[in-house]
PDB file of N, CA and C in Angstrom:
ATOM      1  N   MET A   1       0.853  -0.936  -0.391  1.00  0.00           N
ATOM      2  CA  MET A   1       0.457  -0.296  -0.604  1.00  0.00           C
ATOM      3  C   MET A   1       1.120   0.793  -0.100  1.00  0.00           C
ATOM      4  N   ILE A   2       0.451   2.372  -0.698  1.00  0.00           N
ATOM      5  CA  ILE A   2       1.192   3.335  -0.303  1.00  0.00           C
ATOM      6  C   ILE A   2       0.262   4.631   0.278  1.00  0.00           C
ATOM      7  N   ARG A   3       1.373   5.183   1.135  1.00  0.00           N
ATOM      8  CA  ARG A   3       0.279   6.128   2.184  1.00  0.00           C
ATOM      9  C   ARG A   3       1.224   7.487   1.779  1.00  0.00           C
ATOM     10  N   ARG A   4       0.037   8.566   1.378  1.00  0.00           N
ATOM     11  CA  ARG A   4       1.194   9.828   1.601  1.00  0.00           C
ATOM     12  C   ARG A   4       0.259  10.844   1.843  1.00  0.00           C
ATOM     13  N   SER A   5       1.533  11.656   2.981  1.00  0.00           N
ATOM     14  CA  SER A   5       0.922  12.588   3.738  1.00  0.00           C
ATOM     15  C   SER A   5       1.261  13.712   3.589  1.00  0.00           C
ATOM     16  N   ARG A   6       0.315  14.762   3.674  1.00  0.00           N
ATOM     17  CA  ARG A   6       0.862  16.284   3.471  1.00  0.00           C
ATOM     18  C   ARG A   6       0.263  17.486   4.538  1.00  0.00           C
ATOM     19  N   THR A   7       1.296  17.943   4.793  1.00  0.00           N
ATOM     20  CA  THR A   7       0.862  19.001   5.807  1.00  0.00           C
ATOM     21  C   THR A   7       1.001  20.208   5.397  1.00  0.00           C
ATOM     22  N   TYR A   8      -0.547  21.161   5.828  1.00  0.00           N
ATOM     23  CA  TYR A   8      -0.574  22.472   5.376  1.00  0.00           C
ATOM     24  C   TYR A   8      -0.608  23.101   7.096  1.00  0.00           C
ATOM     25  N   SER A   9       0.216  24.761   6.813  1.00  0.00           N
ATOM     26  CA  SER A   9      -0.011  25.321   8.569  1.00  0.00           C
ATOM     27  C   SER A   9      -0.089  26.850   8.154  1.00  0.00           C
ATOM     28  N   GLY A  10      -0.476  27.181   8.774  1.00  0.00           N
ATOM     29  CA  GLY A  10      -0.345  28.920   8.732  1.00  0.00           C
ATOM     30  C   GLY A  10      -1.264  29.587   9.810  1.00  0.00           C
ATOM     31  N   GLU A  11      -1.752  30.928  10.027  1.00  0.00           N
ATOM     32  CA  GLU A  11      -2.219  31.566  10.975  1.00  0.00           C
ATOM     33  C   GLU A  11      -3.843  32.079  10.274  1.00  0.00           C
ATOM     34  N   ILE A  12      -4.428  32.217  11.552  1.00  0.00           N
ATOM     35  CA  ILE A  12      -5.630  32.869  10.699  1.00  0.00           C
ATOM     36  C   ILE A  12      -6.088  33.699  12.047  1.00  0.00           C
ATOM     37  N   TRP A  13      -7.121  34.902  11.426  1.00  0.00           N
ATOM     38  CA  TRP A  13      -8.210  35.356  12.584  1.00  0.00           C
ATOM     39  C   TRP A  13      -9.373  34.823  12.293  1.00  0.00           C
ATOM     40  N   THR A  14     -10.037  35.128  13.843  1.00  0.00           N
ATOM     41  CA  THR A  14     -11.233  35.088  13.491  1.00  0.00           C
ATOM     42  C   THR A  14     -11.980  36.176  13.082  1.00  0.00           C
ATOM     43  N   ASP A  15     -13.642  36.241  12.860  1.00  0.00           N
ATOM     44  CA  ASP A  15     -14.348  37.518  12.915  1.00  0.00           C
ATOM     45  C   ASP A  15     -14.839  38.020  14.115  1.00  0.00           C
ATOM     46  N   ALA A  16     -15.790  38.463  13.754  1.00  0.00           N
ATOM     47  CA  ALA A  16     -16.828  38.991  15.249  1.00  0.00           C
ATOM     48  C   ALA A  16     -17.222  38.558  15.757  1.00  0.00           C
ATOM     49  N   GLY A  17     -17.623  37.557  14.917  1.00  0.00           N
ATOM     50  CA  GLY A  17     -18.185  36.521  15.738  1.00  0.00           C
ATOM     51  C   GLY A  17     -17.703  35.097  16.146  1.00  0.00           C
ATOM     52  N   GLY A  18     -15.930  35.186  15.934  1.00  0.00           N
ATOM     53  CA  GLY A  18     -15.392  33.692  16.732  1.00  0.00           C
ATOM     54  C   GLY A  18     -15.258  32.939  15.501  1.00  0.00           C
ATOM     55  N   ARG A  19     -15.419  33.339  14.492  1.00  0.00           N
ATOM     56  CA  ARG A  19     -15.413  32.058  13.051  1.00  0.00           C
ATOM     57  C   ARG A  19     -14.310  32.484  11.896  1.00  0.00           C
ATOM     58  N   ALA A  20     -14.286  31.252  11.572  1.00  0.00           N
ATOM     59  CA  ALA A  20     -12.851  31.641  10.507  1.00  0.00           C
ATOM     60  C   ALA A  20     -12.586  30.304   9.452  1.00  0.00           C
ATOM     61  N   THR A  21     -12.264  30.272   8.253  1.00  0.00           N
ATOM     62  CA  THR A  21     -12.707  29.283   7.709  1.00  0.00           C
ATOM     63  C   THR A  21     -11.245  29.058   6.670  1.00  0.00           C
ATOM     64  N   ILE A  22     -10.655  28.189   7.027  1.00  0.00           N
ATOM     65  CA  ILE A  22      -9.113  28.190   6.771  1.00  0.00           C
ATOM     66  C   ILE A  22      -9.325  27.430   5.196  1.00  0.00           C
ATOM     67  N   HIS A  23      -8.751  27.679   4.005  1.00  0.00           N
ATOM     68  CA  HIS A  23      -8.822  27.304   3.008  1.00  0.00           C
ATOM     69  C   HIS A  23      -7.244  26.897   2.219  1.00  0.00           C
ATOM     70  N   LEU A  24      -7.710  24.946   2.380  1.00  0.00           N
ATOM     71  CA  LEU A  24      -6.322  24.636   1.661  1.00  0.00           C
ATOM     72  C   LEU A  24      -6.560  24.666   0.649  1.00  0.00           C
ATOM     73  N   PRO A  25      -5.380  24.429  -0.153  1.00  0.00           N
ATOM     74  CA  PRO A  25      -4.896  24.115  -2.013  1.00  0.00           C
ATOM     75  C   PRO A  25      -6.276  23.385  -2.554  1.00  0.00           C
ATOM     76  N   ALA A  26      -6.270  23.554  -3.957  1.00  0.00           N
ATOM     77  CA  ALA A  26      -8.275  23.648  -5.137  1.00  0.00           C
ATOM     78  C   ALA A  26      -7.550  22.070  -4.428  1.00  0.00           C
ATOM     79  N   ASP A  27      -6.065  20.910  -4.772  1.00  0.00           N
ATOM     80  CA  ASP A  27      -6.252  20.068  -4.670  1.00  0.00           C
ATOM     81  C   ASP A  27      -6.343  19.128  -3.647  1.00  0.00           C
ATOM     82  N   VAL A  28      -6.669  19.704  -2.244  1.00  0.00           N
ATOM     83  CA  VAL A  28      -7.373  18.264  -1.128  1.00  0.00           C
ATOM     84  C   VAL A  28      -8.412  18.378  -1.216  1.00  0.00           C
ATOM     85  N   ASP A  29      -8.334  17.228  -1.676  1.00  0.00           N
ATOM     86  CA  ASP A  29     -10.264  16.143  -0.809  1.00  0.00           C
ATOM     87  C   ASP A  29     -10.281  15.845   0.151  1.00  0.00           C
ATOM     88  N   LEU A  30     -10.824  16.464   1.422  1.00  0.00           N
ATOM     89  CA  LEU A  30     -10.996  16.021   2.578  1.00  0.00           C
ATOM     90  C   LEU A  30     -11.610  15.109   2.649  1.00  0.00           C
ATOM     91  N   VAL A  31     -12.762  14.345   1.468  1.00  0.00           N
ATOM     92  CA  VAL A  31     -13.265  13.480   1.824  1.00  0.00           C
ATOM     93  C   VAL A  31     -12.227  12.151   1.311  1.00  0.00           C
ATOM     94  N   SER A  32     -12.113  12.034   0.402  1.00  0.00           N
ATOM     95  CA  SER A  32     -11.130  10.860   0.334  1.00  0.00           C
ATOM     96  C   SER A  32      -9.887  10.209   1.143  1.00  0.00           C
ATOM     97  N   THR A  33      -9.070  11.648   1.692  1.00  0.00           N
ATOM     98  CA  THR A  33      -8.070  11.518   2.762  1.00  0.00           C
ATOM     99  C   THR A  33      -8.750  11.475   4.183  1.00  0.00           C
ATOM    100  N   ALA A  34      -7.601  10.431   5.114  1.00  0.00           N
ATOM    101  CA  ALA A  34      -7.628  10.695   6.496  1.00  0.00           C
ATOM    102  C   ALA A  34      -7.275  11.897   7.101  1.00  0.00           C
ATOM    103  N   VAL A  35      -7.919  12.825   8.176  1.00  0.00           N
ATOM    104  CA  VAL A  35      -7.758  14.231   8.154  1.00  0.00           C
ATOM    105  C   VAL A  35      -7.519  14.685   9.630  1.00  0.00           C
ATOM    106  N   HIS A  36      -6.134  15.206  10.096  1.00  0.00           N
ATOM    107  CA  HIS A  36      -5.692  15.764  11.395  1.00  0.00           C
ATOM    108  C   HIS A  36      -5.998  16.924  11.122  1.00  0.00           C
ATOM    109  N   CYS A  37      -6.574  17.863  12.109  1.00  0.00           N
ATOM    110  CA  CYS A  37      -6.617  19.368  12.398  1.00  0.00           C
ATOM    111  C   CYS A  37      -6.088  19.656  14.031  1.00  0.00           C
ATOM    112  N   ARG A  38      -4.740  20.242  13.746  1.00  0.00           N
ATOM    113  CA  ARG A  38      -4.505  20.803  15.307  1.00  0.00           C
ATOM    114  C   ARG A  38      -4.713  22.642  15.091  1.00  0.00           C
ATOM    115  N   LEU A  39      -5.104  22.985  16.006  1.00  0.00           N
ATOM    116  CA  LEU A  39      -5.630  24.432  16.262  1.00  0.00           C
ATOM    117  C   LEU A  39      -4.861  25.049  17.786  1.00  0.00           C
ATOM    118  N   GLU A  40      -3.530  25.960  17.149  1.00  0.00           N
ATOM    119  CA  GLU A  40      -3.177  26.464  18.580  1.00  0.00           C
ATOM    120  C   GLU A  40      -3.599  27.774  18.923  1.00  0.00           C
ATOM    121  N   PRO A  41      -5.135  28.412  19.422  1.00  0.00           N
ATOM    122  CA  PRO A  41      -5.234  29.955  19.831  1.00  0.00           C
ATOM    123  C   PRO A  41      -3.950  29.927  20.896  1.00  0.00           C
ATOM    124  N   GLY A  42      -4.053  31.648  21.303  1.00  0.00           N
ATOM    125  CA  GLY A  42      -3.924  32.113  22.113  1.00  0.00           C
ATOM    126  C   GLY A  42      -4.074  31.866  23.585  1.00  0.00           C
ATOM    127  N   ASP A  43      -3.408  33.143  24.331  1.00  0.00           N
ATOM    128  CA  ASP A  43      -3.121  32.382  25.525  1.00  0.00           C
ATOM    129  C   ASP A  43      -4.863  32.296  26.278  1.00  0.00           C
ATOM    130  N   GLY A  44      -5.489  30.879  26.603  1.00  0.00           N
ATOM    131  CA  GLY A  44      -6.770  31.751  27.522  1.00  0.00           C
ATOM    132  C   GLY A  44      -7.701  31.040  26.589  1.00  0.00           C
ATOM    133  N   ILE A  45      -7.677  31.118  25.334  1.00  0.00           N
ATOM    134  CA  ILE A  45      -9.087  31.236  24.341  1.00  0.00           C
ATOM    135  C   ILE A  45      -8.705  29.495  23.997  1.00  0.00           C
ATOM    136  N   ARG A  46      -9.863  29.136  23.560  1.00  0.00           N
ATOM    137  CA  ARG A  46     -10.479  27.792  23.415  1.00  0.00           C
ATOM    138  C   ARG A  46     -10.678  27.980  21.573  1.00  0.00           C
ATOM    139  N   ALA A  47     -10.730  26.718  20.992  1.00  0.00           N
ATOM    140  CA  ALA A  47     -10.571  26.401  19.092  1.00  0.00           C
ATOM    141  C   ALA A  47     -11.169  25.706  19.227  1.00  0.00           C
ATOM    142  N   ARG A  48     -12.431  25.153  18.239  1.00  0.00           N
ATOM    143  CA  ARG A  48     -12.666  23.961  17.672  1.00  0.00           C
ATOM    144  C   ARG A  48     -12.697  23.913  16.078  1.00  0.00           C
ATOM    145  N   VAL A  49     -12.572  22.880  15.541  1.00  0.00           N
ATOM    146  CA  VAL A  49     -13.380  22.924  14.233  1.00  0.00           C
ATOM    147  C   VAL A  49     -14.460  22.291  13.957  1.00  0.00           C
ATOM    148  N   VAL A  50     -15.528  23.372  13.407  1.00  0.00           N
ATOM    149  CA  VAL A  50     -16.816  22.996  13.183  1.00  0.00           C
ATOM    150  C   VAL A  50     -17.090  22.330  12.395  1.00  0.00           C
ATOM    151  N   SER A  51     -16.532  22.391  11.320  1.00  0.00           N
ATOM    152  CA  SER A  51     -16.631  21.845   9.754  1.00  0.00           C
ATOM    153  C   SER A  51     -15.843  21.759   9.004  1.00  0.00           C
ATOM    154  N   ALA A  52     -15.239  20.270   8.613  1.00  0.00           N
ATOM    155  CA  ALA A  52     -14.396  19.842   7.026  1.00  0.00           C
ATOM    156  C   ALA A  52     -14.933  19.825   6.227  1.00  0.00           C
ATOM    157  N   SER A  53     -14.598  20.554   4.533  1.00  0.00           N
ATOM    158  CA  SER A  53     -15.663  20.326   3.833  1.00  0.00           C
ATOM    159  C   SER A  53     -14.389  19.540   2.331  1.00  0.00           C
ATOM    160  N   SER A  54     -15.698  18.432   1.577  1.00  0.00           N
ATOM    161  CA  SER A  54     -14.605  18.057   0.488  1.00  0.00           C
ATOM    162  C   SER A  54     -14.189  19.006  -0.368  1.00  0.00           C
ATOM    163  N   ASP A  55     -14.769  20.179  -0.013  1.00  0.00           N
ATOM    164  CA  ASP A  55     -13.582  20.753  -1.265  1.00  0.00           C
ATOM    165  C   ASP A  55     -12.594  22.077  -0.312  1.00  0.00           C
ATOM    166  N   GLY A  56     -11.821  21.377   0.533  1.00  0.00           N
ATOM    167  CA  GLY A  56     -10.871  21.963   0.862  1.00  0.00           C
ATOM    168  C   GLY A  56     -10.852  23.244   1.859  1.00  0.00           C
ATOM    169  N   HIS A  57     -12.204  23.169   2.797  1.00  0.00           N
ATOM    170  CA  HIS A  57     -12.201  24.551   3.262  1.00  0.00           C
ATOM    171  C   HIS A  57     -12.614  23.906   5.169  1.00  0.00           C
ATOM    172  N   VAL A  58     -11.651  23.924   5.784  1.00  0.00           N
ATOM    173  CA  VAL A  58     -11.875  23.830   7.353  1.00  0.00           C
ATOM    174  C   VAL A  58     -11.971  24.646   8.202  1.00  0.00           C
ATOM    175  N   SER A  59     -13.759  24.643   8.559  1.00  0.00           N
ATOM    176  CA  SER A  59     -14.633  25.910   9.640  1.00  0.00           C
ATOM    177  C   SER A  59     -13.738  25.828  10.917  1.00  0.00           C
ATOM    178  N   ILE A  60     -13.424  26.790  11.573  1.00  0.00           N
ATOM    179  CA  ILE A  60     -12.993  26.687  13.076  1.00  0.00           C
ATOM    180  C   ILE A  60     -13.895  28.415  13.762  1.00  0.00           C
ATOM    181  N   GLU A  61     -13.974  27.829  15.153  1.00  0.00           N
ATOM    182  CA  GLU A  61     -14.567  28.798  15.908  1.00  0.00           C
ATOM    183  C   GLU A  61     -13.929  28.897  17.030  1.00  0.00           C
ATOM    184  N   THR A  62     -13.673  29.939  17.753  1.00  0.00           N
ATOM    185  CA  THR A  62     -13.253  29.895  18.827  1.00  0.00           C
ATOM    186  C   THR A  62     -13.902  30.747  19.906  1.00  0.00           C
ATOM    187  N   ASP A  63     -13.727  30.871  20.903  1.00  0.00           N
ATOM    188  CA  ASP A  63     -14.860  31.678  22.233  1.00  0.00           C
ATOM    189  C   ASP A  63     -15.047  32.926  22.593  1.00  0.00           C
ATOM    190  N   GLU A  64     -13.825  33.438  21.311  1.00  0.00           N
ATOM    191  CA  GLU A  64     -13.675  34.953  21.601  1.00  0.00           C
ATOM    192  C   GLU A  64     -13.481  35.780  20.493  1.00  0.00           C
ATOM    193  N   PRO A  65     -13.841  36.593  20.143  1.00  0.00           N
ATOM    194  CA  PRO A  65     -13.927  37.113  18.723  1.00  0.00           C
ATOM    195  C   PRO A  65     -12.634  38.021  18.258  1.00  0.00           C
ATOM    196  N   HIS A  66     -11.982  37.600  16.696  1.00  0.00           N
ATOM    197  CA  HIS A  66     -11.103  38.447  16.585  1.00  0.00           C
ATOM    198  C   HIS A  66      -9.664  37.823  17.277  1.00  0.00           C
ATOM    199  N   ALA A  67      -9.915  36.675  17.652  1.00  0.00           N
ATOM    200  CA  ALA A  67      -8.415  35.669  18.036  1.00  0.00           C
ATOM    201  C   ALA A  67      -7.357  35.171  17.146  1.00  0.00           C
ATOM    202  N   LYS A  68      -6.711  35.122  17.023  1.00  0.00           N
ATOM    203  CA  LYS A  68      -5.775  34.491  16.384  1.00  0.00           C
ATOM    204  C   LYS A  68      -5.034  33.306  16.540  1.00  0.00           C
ATOM    205  N   VAL A  69      -5.449  31.960  15.909  1.00  0.00           N
ATOM    206  CA  VAL A  69      -5.257  30.901  15.708  1.00  0.00           C
ATOM    207  C   VAL A  69      -4.540  30.309  15.032  1.00  0.00           C
ATOM    208  N   GLY A  70      -3.516  29.815  15.354  1.00  0.00           N
ATOM    209  CA  GLY A  70      -2.625  28.775  14.385  1.00  0.00           C
ATOM    210  C   GLY A  70      -3.206  27.499  13.667  1.00  0.00           C
ATOM    211  N   TRP A  71      -2.629  27.382  12.874  1.00  0.00           N
ATOM    212  CA  TRP A  71      -3.458  25.760  12.507  1.00  0.00           C
ATOM    213  C   TRP A  71      -2.649  24.778  11.883  1.00  0.00           C
ATOM    214  N   ARG A  72      -2.690  23.331  12.110  1.00  0.00           N
ATOM    215  CA  ARG A  72      -1.809  22.842  11.125  1.00  0.00           C
ATOM    216  C   ARG A  72      -2.800  21.724  10.886  1.00  0.00           C
ATOM    217  N   VAL A  73      -3.291  21.167   9.346  1.00  0.00           N
ATOM    218  CA  VAL A  73      -3.882  20.263   9.333  1.00  0.00           C
ATOM    219  C   VAL A  73      -3.056  20.011   7.986  1.00  0.00           C
ATOM    220  N   THR A  74      -2.947  17.866   8.745  1.00  0.00           N
ATOM    221  CA  THR A  74      -2.287  16.464   7.528  1.00  0.00           C
ATOM    222  C   THR A  74      -2.917  16.135   7.027  1.00  0.00           C
ATOM    223  N   THR A  75      -2.756  15.671   6.150  1.00  0.00           N
ATOM    224  CA  THR A  75      -3.939  14.977   5.358  1.00  0.00           C
ATOM    225  C   THR A  75      -3.032  13.717   5.316  1.00  0.00           C
ATOM    226  N   ARG A  76      -4.245  12.298   4.660  1.00  0.00           N
ATOM    227  CA  ARG A  76      -2.951  11.010   4.569  1.00  0.00           C
ATOM    228  C   ARG A  76      -4.484  10.469   3.424  1.00  0.00           C
ATOM    229  N   ARG A  77      -3.281  10.392   2.539  1.00  0.00           N
ATOM    230  CA  ARG A  77      -4.767   9.660   1.492  1.00  0.00           C
ATOM    231  C   ARG A  77      -4.920   8.379   1.884  1.00  0.00           C
ATOM    232  N   ARG A  78      -6.124   7.870   1.929  1.00  0.00           N
ATOM    233  CA  ARG A  78      -6.690   6.068   1.952  1.00  0.00           C
ATOM    234  C   ARG A  78      -5.648   5.537   1.383  1.00  0.00           C
ATOM    235  N   PRO A  79      -5.140   4.564   1.636  1.00  0.00           N
ATOM    236  CA  PRO A  79      -4.178   3.513   1.036  1.00  0.00           C
ATOM    237  C   PRO A  79      -4.417   2.861   0.119  1.00  0.00           C
ATOM    238  N   ARG A  80      -4.185   2.815  -0.941  1.00  0.00           N
ATOM    239  CA  ARG A  80      -4.434   2.631  -2.361  1.00  0.00           C
ATOM    240  C   ARG A  80      -3.445   1.184  -3.015  1.00  0.00           C
ATOM    241  N   LEU A  81      -4.405   0.149  -2.950  1.00  0.00           N
ATOM    242  CA  LEU A  81      -3.783  -1.182  -2.880  1.00  0.00           C
ATOM    243  C   LEU A  81      -2.921  -1.160  -4.370  1.00  0.00           C
ATOM    244  N   GLN A  82      -1.782  -2.270  -4.100  1.00  0.00           N
ATOM    245  CA  GLN A  82      -0.514  -2.132  -5.386  1.00  0.00           C
ATOM    246  C   GLN A  82      -1.048  -3.685  -5.894  1.00  0.00           C
ATOM    247  N   LYS A  83      -0.566  -3.812  -7.060  1.00  0.00           N
ATOM    248  CA  LYS A  83      -1.171  -4.870  -7.692  1.00  0.00           C
ATOM    249  C   LYS A  83      -0.726  -6.598  -6.679  1.00  0.00           C
ATOM    250  N   GLY A  84      -1.422  -6.889  -6.478  1.00  0.00           N
ATOM    251  CA  GLY A  84      -1.486  -8.276  -5.923  1.00  0.00           C
ATOM    252  C   GLY A  84      -1.743  -8.056  -4.311  1.00  0.00           C
ATOM    253  N   GLU A  85      -2.061  -7.044  -3.868  1.00  0.00           N
ATOM    254  CA  GLU A  85      -3.040  -6.570  -2.671  1.00  0.00           C
ATOM    255  C   GLU A  85      -4.081  -7.008  -2.605  1.00  0.00           C
ATOM    256  N   THR A  86      -4.389  -7.689  -1.018  1.00  0.00           N
ATOM    257  CA  THR A  86      -6.154  -7.211  -0.856  1.00  0.00           C
ATOM    258  C   THR A  86      -6.204  -6.539  -0.163  1.00  0.00           C
ATOM    259  N   THR A  87      -7.604  -6.461  -0.017  1.00  0.00           N
ATOM    260  CA  THR A  87      -8.181  -5.624   1.636  1.00  0.00           C
ATOM    261  C   THR A  87      -8.346  -6.696   2.990  1.00  0.00           C
ATOM    262  N   ASP A  88      -7.916  -8.258   2.720  1.00  0.00           N
ATOM    263  CA  ASP A  88      -8.010  -9.122   3.883  1.00  0.00           C
ATOM    264  C   ASP A  88      -6.579  -8.765   5.024  1.00  0.00           C
ATOM    265  N   ALA A  89      -7.602  -8.723   5.829  1.00  0.00           N
ATOM    266  CA  ALA A  89      -6.165  -8.219   7.154  1.00  0.00           C
ATOM    267  C   ALA A  89      -6.132  -9.883   7.516  1.00  0.00           C
TER     268      ALA A  89
END
């Protein structure tokens, strides 16, 4: 099996409602990959992932408006079978 992972990272500011959307590159399909998202908000601020869509958008929310949040999204393609491999464990 071939597994390929990619990591994307950056910083984003939430709006007045404490929401923001992370836009990943157009070739990222969050449905066909395993996704791990880590959020690193400032001191005393809580942040969570609200949703992730197949078109590479990850929506987050914080408990305070206008908060700076560091983020890291790691995607891993689901295993693709090589010639002669089966899914039997």
